[in-house]
Amino acid sequence: MGSEKNECFGTNYDYSFKVLLVGDSAVGKSSLLHSFITNCQQLPQDLAPTIGVDFKIKLLTIGGKKLKLTIWDTAGQERFGMLASSYYRGAHGIFLVYDVTSRETFTNLSKIWAKELDLYCSNPDCIKILVGNKVDMDSARAVAMEEGLAFAKKHKCLFHECSAKTQENVNECFKELAVKILEVPSLLEKGSTPLKNQVLKQRQFYQAKNAQKCCF
């Protein structure tokens, strides 16, 4: 899949991708994001529930390409209402997250979240990954891995089980999603658009500055 390295390279990156985390509240979306962003196995005890929408940025290198991931963390359907269509717009990748110890959160993938994706995610090339969180609580498991695999196959998703608490498979989830995005030409084109706009603005700025100099 190529090498992956976390680093800070400011605005010097090759592609910028928008990634969404969706699913019921309390499935661990914020914990997954915190684990990935901080690369920390010890989650804070007072990690507050997300209200509305939050986002974090992760810079990393995969296969020699510098990526900027803007990862949107959303509140759950049952408390804050359905996610507005604007949040799905322009997404390159989407996490569908459920809790392996909660049958309801898995059932709601079909009842709520898959329907929202069909309704609001207009890009057919968007990469989706189904993630079953909290495998560290396997003794309380309510959803078999085989069920997750079947759902992922039906909805054409990647699939992983992980634990935000122990960080098991967390990096692998985000890494595989990024790798798959990089394999889709249309997503690469969309991911490079902000950079092209930035270069164009810089070019226009310097052209304007040079024009001013010529006037004196």
C-alpha atoms as a PDB file:
ATOM      1  CA  MET A   1       0.000   0.000   0.000  1.00  0.00           C
ATOM      2  CA  GLY A   2       2.989   2.297   0.170  1.00  0.00           C
ATOM      3  CA  SER A   3       4.722   4.038   3.025  1.00  0.00           C
ATOM      4  CA  GLU A   4       2.908   6.318   5.441  1.00  0.00           C
ATOM      5  CA  LYS A   5       4.541   8.962   7.589  1.00  0.00           C
ATOM      6  CA  ASN A   6       3.032  11.640   9.773  1.00  0.00           C
ATOM      7  CA  GLU A   7       4.717  15.003   9.431  1.00  0.00           C
ATOM      8  CA  CYS A   8       4.153  18.715   9.291  1.00  0.00           C
ATOM      9  CA  PHE A   9       4.715  20.335   5.895  1.00  0.00           C
ATOM     10  CA  GLY A  10       2.555  23.431   6.163  1.00  0.00           C
ATOM     11  CA  THR A  11       0.741  24.249   2.926  1.00  0.00           C
ATOM     12  CA  ASN A  12       3.152  22.212   0.806  1.00  0.00           C
ATOM     13  CA  TYR A  13       1.034  19.179  -0.046  1.00  0.00           C
ATOM     14  CA  ASP A  14      -0.005  17.369  -3.219  1.00  0.00           C
ATOM     15  CA  TYR A  15      -3.650  16.660  -2.479  1.00  0.00           C
ATOM     16  CA  SER A  16      -6.335  17.827  -0.063  1.00  0.00           C
ATOM     17  CA  PHE A  17      -9.107  15.344   0.777  1.00  0.00           C
ATOM     18  CA  LYS A  18     -12.331  15.716   2.738  1.00  0.00           C
ATOM     19  CA  VAL A  19     -13.264  12.741   4.926  1.00  0.00           C
ATOM     20  CA  LEU A  20     -16.471  12.298   6.934  1.00  0.00           C
ATOM     21  CA  LEU A  21     -17.172  10.221  10.028  1.00  0.00           C
ATOM     22  CA  VAL A  22     -20.862   9.280  10.279  1.00  0.00           C
ATOM     23  CA  GLY A  23     -22.872   6.940  12.471  1.00  0.00           C
ATOM     24  CA  ASP A  24     -24.880   6.952  15.685  1.00  0.00           C
ATOM     25  CA  SER A  25     -23.649   8.939  18.654  1.00  0.00           C
ATOM     26  CA  ALA A  26     -21.539   7.038  21.193  1.00  0.00           C
ATOM     27  CA  VAL A  27     -20.116   4.605  18.618  1.00  0.00           C
ATOM     28  CA  GLY A  28     -16.713   6.243  19.123  1.00  0.00           C
ATOM     29  CA  LYS A  29     -16.317   8.524  16.112  1.00  0.00           C
ATOM     30  CA  SER A  30     -14.630  11.272  18.128  1.00  0.00           C
ATOM     31  CA  SER A  31     -12.417   8.719  19.850  1.00  0.00           C
ATOM     32  CA  LEU A  32     -11.350   7.266  16.499  1.00  0.00           C
ATOM     33  CA  LEU A  33     -10.487  10.729  15.248  1.00  0.00           C
ATOM     34  CA  HIS A  34      -8.613  11.643  18.427  1.00  0.00           C
ATOM     35  CA  SER A  35      -6.665   8.374  18.311  1.00  0.00           C
ATOM     36  CA  PHE A  36      -5.656   8.951  14.689  1.00  0.00           C
ATOM     37  CA  ILE A  37      -4.840  12.656  14.998  1.00  0.00           C
ATOM     38  CA  THR A  38      -2.793  12.386  18.191  1.00  0.00           C
ATOM     39  CA  ASN A  39      -1.440   8.881  17.569  1.00  0.00           C
ATOM     40  CA  CYS A  40      -2.128   8.362  21.254  1.00  0.00           C
ATOM     41  CA  GLN A  41      -3.311   5.089  22.805  1.00  0.00           C
ATOM     42  CA  GLN A  42      -4.520   6.792  25.977  1.00  0.00           C
ATOM     43  CA  LEU A  43      -7.837   8.512  25.303  1.00  0.00           C
ATOM     44  CA  PRO A  44      -8.859  11.377  27.595  1.00  0.00           C
ATOM     45  CA  GLN A  45     -11.425  10.353  30.178  1.00  0.00           C
ATOM     46  CA  ASP A  46     -13.533  13.462  29.584  1.00  0.00           C
ATOM     47  CA  LEU A  47     -13.807  13.345  25.782  1.00  0.00           C
ATOM     48  CA  ALA A  48     -17.052  15.280  25.314  1.00  0.00           C
ATOM     49  CA  PRO A  49     -19.729  14.263  22.794  1.00  0.00           C
ATOM     50  CA  THR A  50     -19.588  16.164  19.529  1.00  0.00           C
ATOM     51  CA  ILE A  51     -22.218  18.870  19.208  1.00  0.00           C
ATOM     52  CA  GLY A  52     -23.140  19.454  15.584  1.00  0.00           C
ATOM     53  CA  VAL A  53     -19.957  19.146  13.540  1.00  0.00           C
ATOM     54  CA  ASP A  54     -16.250  19.385  14.344  1.00  0.00           C
ATOM     55  CA  PHE A  55     -13.227  18.788  12.144  1.00  0.00           C
ATOM     56  CA  LYS A  56      -9.531  18.090  12.473  1.00  0.00           C
ATOM     57  CA  ILE A  57      -6.670  18.181   9.973  1.00  0.00           C
ATOM     58  CA  LYS A  58      -4.076  15.456   9.536  1.00  0.00           C
ATOM     59  CA  LEU A  59      -1.007  15.809   7.329  1.00  0.00           C
ATOM     60  CA  LEU A  60       0.686  12.649   6.159  1.00  0.00           C
ATOM     61  CA  THR A  61       2.696  11.133   3.341  1.00  0.00           C
ATOM     62  CA  ILE A  62       1.596   7.986   1.519  1.00  0.00           C
ATOM     63  CA  GLY A  63       3.464   6.514  -1.415  1.00  0.00           C
ATOM     64  CA  GLY A  64       5.532   9.675  -1.788  1.00  0.00           C
ATOM     65  CA  LYS A  65       2.437  11.910  -1.974  1.00  0.00           C
ATOM     66  CA  LYS A  66       1.855  14.578   0.666  1.00  0.00           C
ATOM     67  CA  LEU A  67      -1.769  14.567   1.763  1.00  0.00           C
ATOM     68  CA  LYS A  68      -3.921  16.920   3.787  1.00  0.00           C
ATOM     69  CA  LEU A  69      -6.915  15.135   5.300  1.00  0.00           C
ATOM     70  CA  THR A  70      -9.688  17.354   6.638  1.00  0.00           C
ATOM     71  CA  ILE A  71     -11.719  14.943   8.763  1.00  0.00           C
ATOM     72  CA  TRP A  72     -15.244  15.943   9.762  1.00  0.00           C
ATOM     73  CA  ASP A  73     -16.641  14.458  12.951  1.00  0.00           C
ATOM     74  CA  THR A  74     -20.424  14.554  13.165  1.00  0.00           C
ATOM     75  CA  ALA A  75     -22.923  14.248  15.999  1.00  0.00           C
ATOM     76  CA  GLY A  76     -25.216  11.219  15.961  1.00  0.00           C
ATOM     77  CA  GLN A  77     -28.570  11.149  14.189  1.00  0.00           C
ATOM     78  CA  GLU A  78     -30.692  10.390  17.222  1.00  0.00           C
ATOM     79  CA  ARG A  79     -29.674  13.487  19.184  1.00  0.00           C
ATOM     80  CA  PHE A  80     -28.965  16.210  16.675  1.00  0.00           C
ATOM     81  CA  GLY A  81     -30.980  15.263  13.613  1.00  0.00           C
ATOM     82  CA  MET A  82     -29.810  14.195  10.190  1.00  0.00           C
ATOM     83  CA  LEU A  83     -26.590  15.531   8.790  1.00  0.00           C
ATOM     84  CA  ALA A  84     -27.159  18.417   6.391  1.00  0.00           C
ATOM     85  CA  SER A  85     -26.449  17.653   2.748  1.00  0.00           C
ATOM     86  CA  SER A  86     -23.767  20.349   2.674  1.00  0.00           C
ATOM     87  CA  TYR A  87     -21.504  18.205   4.848  1.00  0.00           C
ATOM     88  CA  TYR A  88     -21.571  15.361   2.336  1.00  0.00           C
ATOM     89  CA  ARG A  89     -20.850  17.683  -0.563  1.00  0.00           C
ATOM     90  CA  GLY A  90     -17.320  17.302  -1.884  1.00  0.00           C
ATOM     91  CA  ALA A  91     -16.441  14.313   0.311  1.00  0.00           C
ATOM     92  CA  HIS A  92     -13.673  12.079  -1.020  1.00  0.00           C
ATOM     93  CA  GLY A  93     -14.061   9.432   1.684  1.00  0.00           C
ATOM     94  CA  ILE A  94     -16.671   8.454   4.268  1.00  0.00           C
ATOM     95  CA  PHE A  95     -16.402   6.353   7.430  1.00  0.00           C
ATOM     96  CA  LEU A  96     -19.570   4.470   8.398  1.00  0.00           C
ATOM     97  CA  VAL A  97     -18.970   3.700  12.064  1.00  0.00           C
ATOM     98  CA  TYR A  98     -20.849   1.336  14.366  1.00  0.00           C
ATOM     99  CA  ASP A  99     -20.248  -0.179  17.792  1.00  0.00           C
ATOM    100  CA  VAL A 100     -19.658  -3.956  17.688  1.00  0.00           C
ATOM    101  CA  THR A 101     -21.262  -4.224  21.141  1.00  0.00           C
ATOM    102  CA  SER A 102     -24.481  -2.474  20.046  1.00  0.00           C
ATOM    103  CA  ARG A 103     -26.853  -4.174  17.634  1.00  0.00           C
ATOM    104  CA  GLU A 104     -28.869  -0.968  17.253  1.00  0.00           C
ATOM    105  CA  THR A 105     -25.916   1.037  15.902  1.00  0.00           C
ATOM    106  CA  PHE A 106     -25.361  -1.649  13.267  1.00  0.00           C
ATOM    107  CA  THR A 107     -29.045  -1.815  12.344  1.00  0.00           C
ATOM    108  CA  ASN A 108     -29.118   1.966  11.952  1.00  0.00           C
ATOM    109  CA  LEU A 109     -26.477   1.733   9.239  1.00  0.00           C
ATOM    110  CA  SER A 110     -29.176   0.382   6.923  1.00  0.00           C
ATOM    111  CA  LYS A 111     -32.097   2.296   8.428  1.00  0.00           C
ATOM    112  CA  ILE A 112     -30.412   5.710   8.475  1.00  0.00           C
ATOM    113  CA  TRP A 113     -26.836   6.153   7.330  1.00  0.00           C
ATOM    114  CA  ALA A 114     -26.761   4.167   4.088  1.00  0.00           C
ATOM    115  CA  LYS A 115     -29.936   5.975   3.030  1.00  0.00           C
ATOM    116  CA  GLU A 116     -28.342   9.342   3.810  1.00  0.00           C
ATOM    117  CA  LEU A 117     -25.338   8.459   1.678  1.00  0.00           C
ATOM    118  CA  ASP A 118     -27.589   7.513  -1.232  1.00  0.00           C
ATOM    119  CA  LEU A 119     -29.520  10.750  -0.795  1.00  0.00           C
ATOM    120  CA  TYR A 120     -26.748  13.276  -0.179  1.00  0.00           C
ATOM    121  CA  CYS A 121     -23.468  11.830  -1.463  1.00  0.00           C
ATOM    122  CA  SER A 122     -23.647  12.719  -5.154  1.00  0.00           C
ATOM    123  CA  ASN A 123     -20.148  11.508  -6.041  1.00  0.00           C
ATOM    124  CA  PRO A 124     -20.307   7.828  -7.101  1.00  0.00           C
ATOM    125  CA  ASP A 125     -16.513   7.549  -6.814  1.00  0.00           C
ATOM    126  CA  CYS A 126     -16.437   8.522  -3.128  1.00  0.00           C
ATOM    127  CA  ILE A 127     -14.622   5.815  -1.136  1.00  0.00           C
ATOM    128  CA  LYS A 128     -16.612   4.346   1.759  1.00  0.00           C
ATOM    129  CA  ILE A 129     -15.258   2.312   4.649  1.00  0.00           C
ATOM    130  CA  LEU A 130     -17.329   0.435   7.202  1.00  0.00           C
ATOM    131  CA  VAL A 131     -15.699   0.466  10.637  1.00  0.00           C
ATOM    132  CA  GLY A 132     -16.778  -1.625  13.608  1.00  0.00           C
ATOM    133  CA  ASN A 133     -15.363   0.050  16.723  1.00  0.00           C
ATOM    134  CA  LYS A 134     -14.777  -1.203  20.303  1.00  0.00           C
ATOM    135  CA  VAL A 135     -13.316  -4.642  19.548  1.00  0.00           C
ATOM    136  CA  ASP A 136     -11.478  -4.293  22.869  1.00  0.00           C
ATOM    137  CA  MET A 137     -14.890  -5.210  24.390  1.00  0.00           C
ATOM    138  CA  ASP A 138     -15.173  -8.439  22.414  1.00  0.00           C
ATOM    139  CA  SER A 139     -16.788 -10.288  25.336  1.00  0.00           C
ATOM    140  CA  ALA A 140     -19.797  -7.980  24.917  1.00  0.00           C
ATOM    141  CA  ARG A 141     -19.897  -8.295  21.111  1.00  0.00           C
ATOM    142  CA  ALA A 142     -23.386  -8.092  19.595  1.00  0.00           C
ATOM    143  CA  VAL A 143     -22.411  -7.893  15.901  1.00  0.00           C
ATOM    144  CA  ALA A 144     -20.362 -10.665  14.299  1.00  0.00           C
ATOM    145  CA  MET A 145     -17.507  -9.776  11.971  1.00  0.00           C
ATOM    146  CA  GLU A 146     -19.210 -11.775   9.235  1.00  0.00           C
ATOM    147  CA  GLU A 147     -22.218  -9.435   9.428  1.00  0.00           C
ATOM    148  CA  GLY A 148     -19.965  -6.427   8.949  1.00  0.00           C
ATOM    149  CA  LEU A 149     -18.293  -8.081   5.973  1.00  0.00           C
ATOM    150  CA  ALA A 150     -21.682  -8.851   4.408  1.00  0.00           C
ATOM    151  CA  PHE A 151     -22.862  -5.239   4.841  1.00  0.00           C
ATOM    152  CA  ALA A 152     -19.610  -3.912   3.381  1.00  0.00           C
ATOM    153  CA  LYS A 153     -19.888  -6.213   0.366  1.00  0.00           C
ATOM    154  CA  LYS A 154     -23.512  -5.214  -0.247  1.00  0.00           C
ATOM    155  CA  HIS A 155     -22.754  -1.489  -0.083  1.00  0.00           C
ATOM    156  CA  LYS A 156     -19.340  -1.685  -1.780  1.00  0.00           C
ATOM    157  CA  CYS A 157     -17.386  -0.500   1.257  1.00  0.00           C
ATOM    158  CA  LEU A 158     -13.967  -1.274   2.597  1.00  0.00           C
ATOM    159  CA  PHE A 159     -14.198  -2.964   5.990  1.00  0.00           C
ATOM    160  CA  HIS A 160     -12.234  -2.946   9.238  1.00  0.00           C
ATOM    161  CA  GLU A 161     -12.863  -3.639  12.879  1.00  0.00           C
ATOM    162  CA  CYS A 162     -10.837  -1.573  15.321  1.00  0.00           C
ATOM    163  CA  SER A 163     -10.539  -0.141  18.809  1.00  0.00           C
ATOM    164  CA  ALA A 164     -10.116   3.576  19.384  1.00  0.00           C
ATOM    165  CA  LYS A 165      -9.289   2.766  23.006  1.00  0.00           C
ATOM    166  CA  THR A 166      -6.279   0.536  22.246  1.00  0.00           C
ATOM    167  CA  GLN A 167      -5.620   2.049  18.782  1.00  0.00           C
ATOM    168  CA  GLU A 168      -5.881  -1.392  17.200  1.00  0.00           C
ATOM    169  CA  ASN A 169      -6.337  -0.977  13.417  1.00  0.00           C
ATOM    170  CA  VAL A 170      -7.155   2.747  13.704  1.00  0.00           C
ATOM    171  CA  ASN A 171      -4.255   3.962  11.562  1.00  0.00           C
ATOM    172  CA  GLU A 172      -4.879   1.126   9.119  1.00  0.00           C
ATOM    173  CA  CYS A 173      -8.463   2.313   8.555  1.00  0.00           C
ATOM    174  CA  PHE A 174      -7.442   5.851   7.634  1.00  0.00           C
ATOM    175  CA  LYS A 175      -4.409   4.694   5.675  1.00  0.00           C
ATOM    176  CA  GLU A 176      -6.363   2.243   3.509  1.00  0.00           C
ATOM    177  CA  LEU A 177      -9.024   4.860   2.824  1.00  0.00           C
ATOM    178  CA  ALA A 178      -6.377   7.363   1.706  1.00  0.00           C
ATOM    179  CA  VAL A 179      -4.666   4.752  -0.476  1.00  0.00           C
ATOM    180  CA  LYS A 180      -7.944   3.891  -2.198  1.00  0.00           C
ATOM    181  CA  ILE A 181      -8.732   7.577  -2.781  1.00  0.00           C
ATOM    182  CA  LEU A 182      -5.332   7.973  -4.436  1.00  0.00           C
ATOM    183  CA  GLU A 183      -6.265   5.174  -6.867  1.00  0.00           C
ATOM    184  CA  VAL A 184      -9.299   7.054  -8.255  1.00  0.00           C
ATOM    185  CA  PRO A 185      -8.432   9.655 -10.952  1.00  0.00           C
ATOM    186  CA  SER A 186     -11.624  11.694 -10.470  1.00  0.00           C
ATOM    187  CA  LEU A 187     -10.933  12.034  -6.727  1.00  0.00           C
ATOM    188  CA  LEU A 188      -7.345  13.053  -7.412  1.00  0.00           C
ATOM    189  CA  GLU A 189      -8.613  15.759  -9.753  1.00  0.00           C
ATOM    190  CA  LYS A 190     -11.019  17.053  -7.094  1.00  0.00           C
ATOM    191  CA  GLY A 191      -8.342  16.777  -4.408  1.00  0.00           C
ATOM    192  CA  SER A 192      -5.915  18.883  -6.396  1.00  0.00           C
ATOM    193  CA  THR A 193      -8.436  21.628  -7.236  1.00  0.00           C
ATOM    194  CA  PRO A 194      -7.842  23.689  -4.046  1.00  0.00           C
ATOM    195  CA  LEU A 195      -4.112  23.589  -4.762  1.00  0.00           C
ATOM    196  CA  LYS A 196      -4.625  24.747  -8.342  1.00  0.00           C
ATOM    197  CA  ASN A 197      -6.771  27.608  -7.066  1.00  0.00           C
ATOM    198  CA  GLN A 198      -4.091  28.524  -4.547  1.00  0.00           C
ATOM    199  CA  VAL A 199      -1.384  28.553  -7.231  1.00  0.00           C
ATOM    200  CA  LEU A 200      -3.627  30.634  -9.505  1.00  0.00           C
ATOM    201  CA  LYS A 201      -4.278  33.180  -6.755  1.00  0.00           C
ATOM    202  CA  GLN A 202      -0.554  33.419  -5.989  1.00  0.00           C
ATOM    203  CA  ARG A 203       0.207  33.871  -9.686  1.00  0.00           C
ATOM    204  CA  GLN A 204      -2.430  36.600  -9.996  1.00  0.00           C
ATOM    205  CA  PHE A 205      -1.058  38.307  -6.887  1.00  0.00           C
ATOM    206  CA  TYR A 206       2.491  38.437  -8.217  1.00  0.00           C
ATOM    207  CA  GLN A 207       1.315  39.501 -11.652  1.00  0.00           C
ATOM    208  CA  ALA A 208      -0.578  42.376 -10.038  1.00  0.00           C
ATOM    209  CA  LYS A 209       2.481  43.332  -7.977  1.00  0.00           C
ATOM    210  CA  ASN A 210       4.679  43.298 -11.078  1.00  0.00           C
ATOM    211  CA  ALA A 211       2.135  45.412 -12.961  1.00  0.00           C
ATOM    212  CA  GLN A 212       2.230  47.978 -10.165  1.00  0.00           C
ATOM    213  CA  LYS A 213       6.021  48.113 -10.337  1.00  0.00           C
ATOM    214  CA  CYS A 214       5.873  48.753 -14.079  1.00  0.00           C
ATOM    215  CA  CYS A 215       3.730  51.798 -13.480  1.00  0.00           C
ATOM    216  CA  PHE A 216       6.450  53.601 -11.544  1.00  0.00           C
END
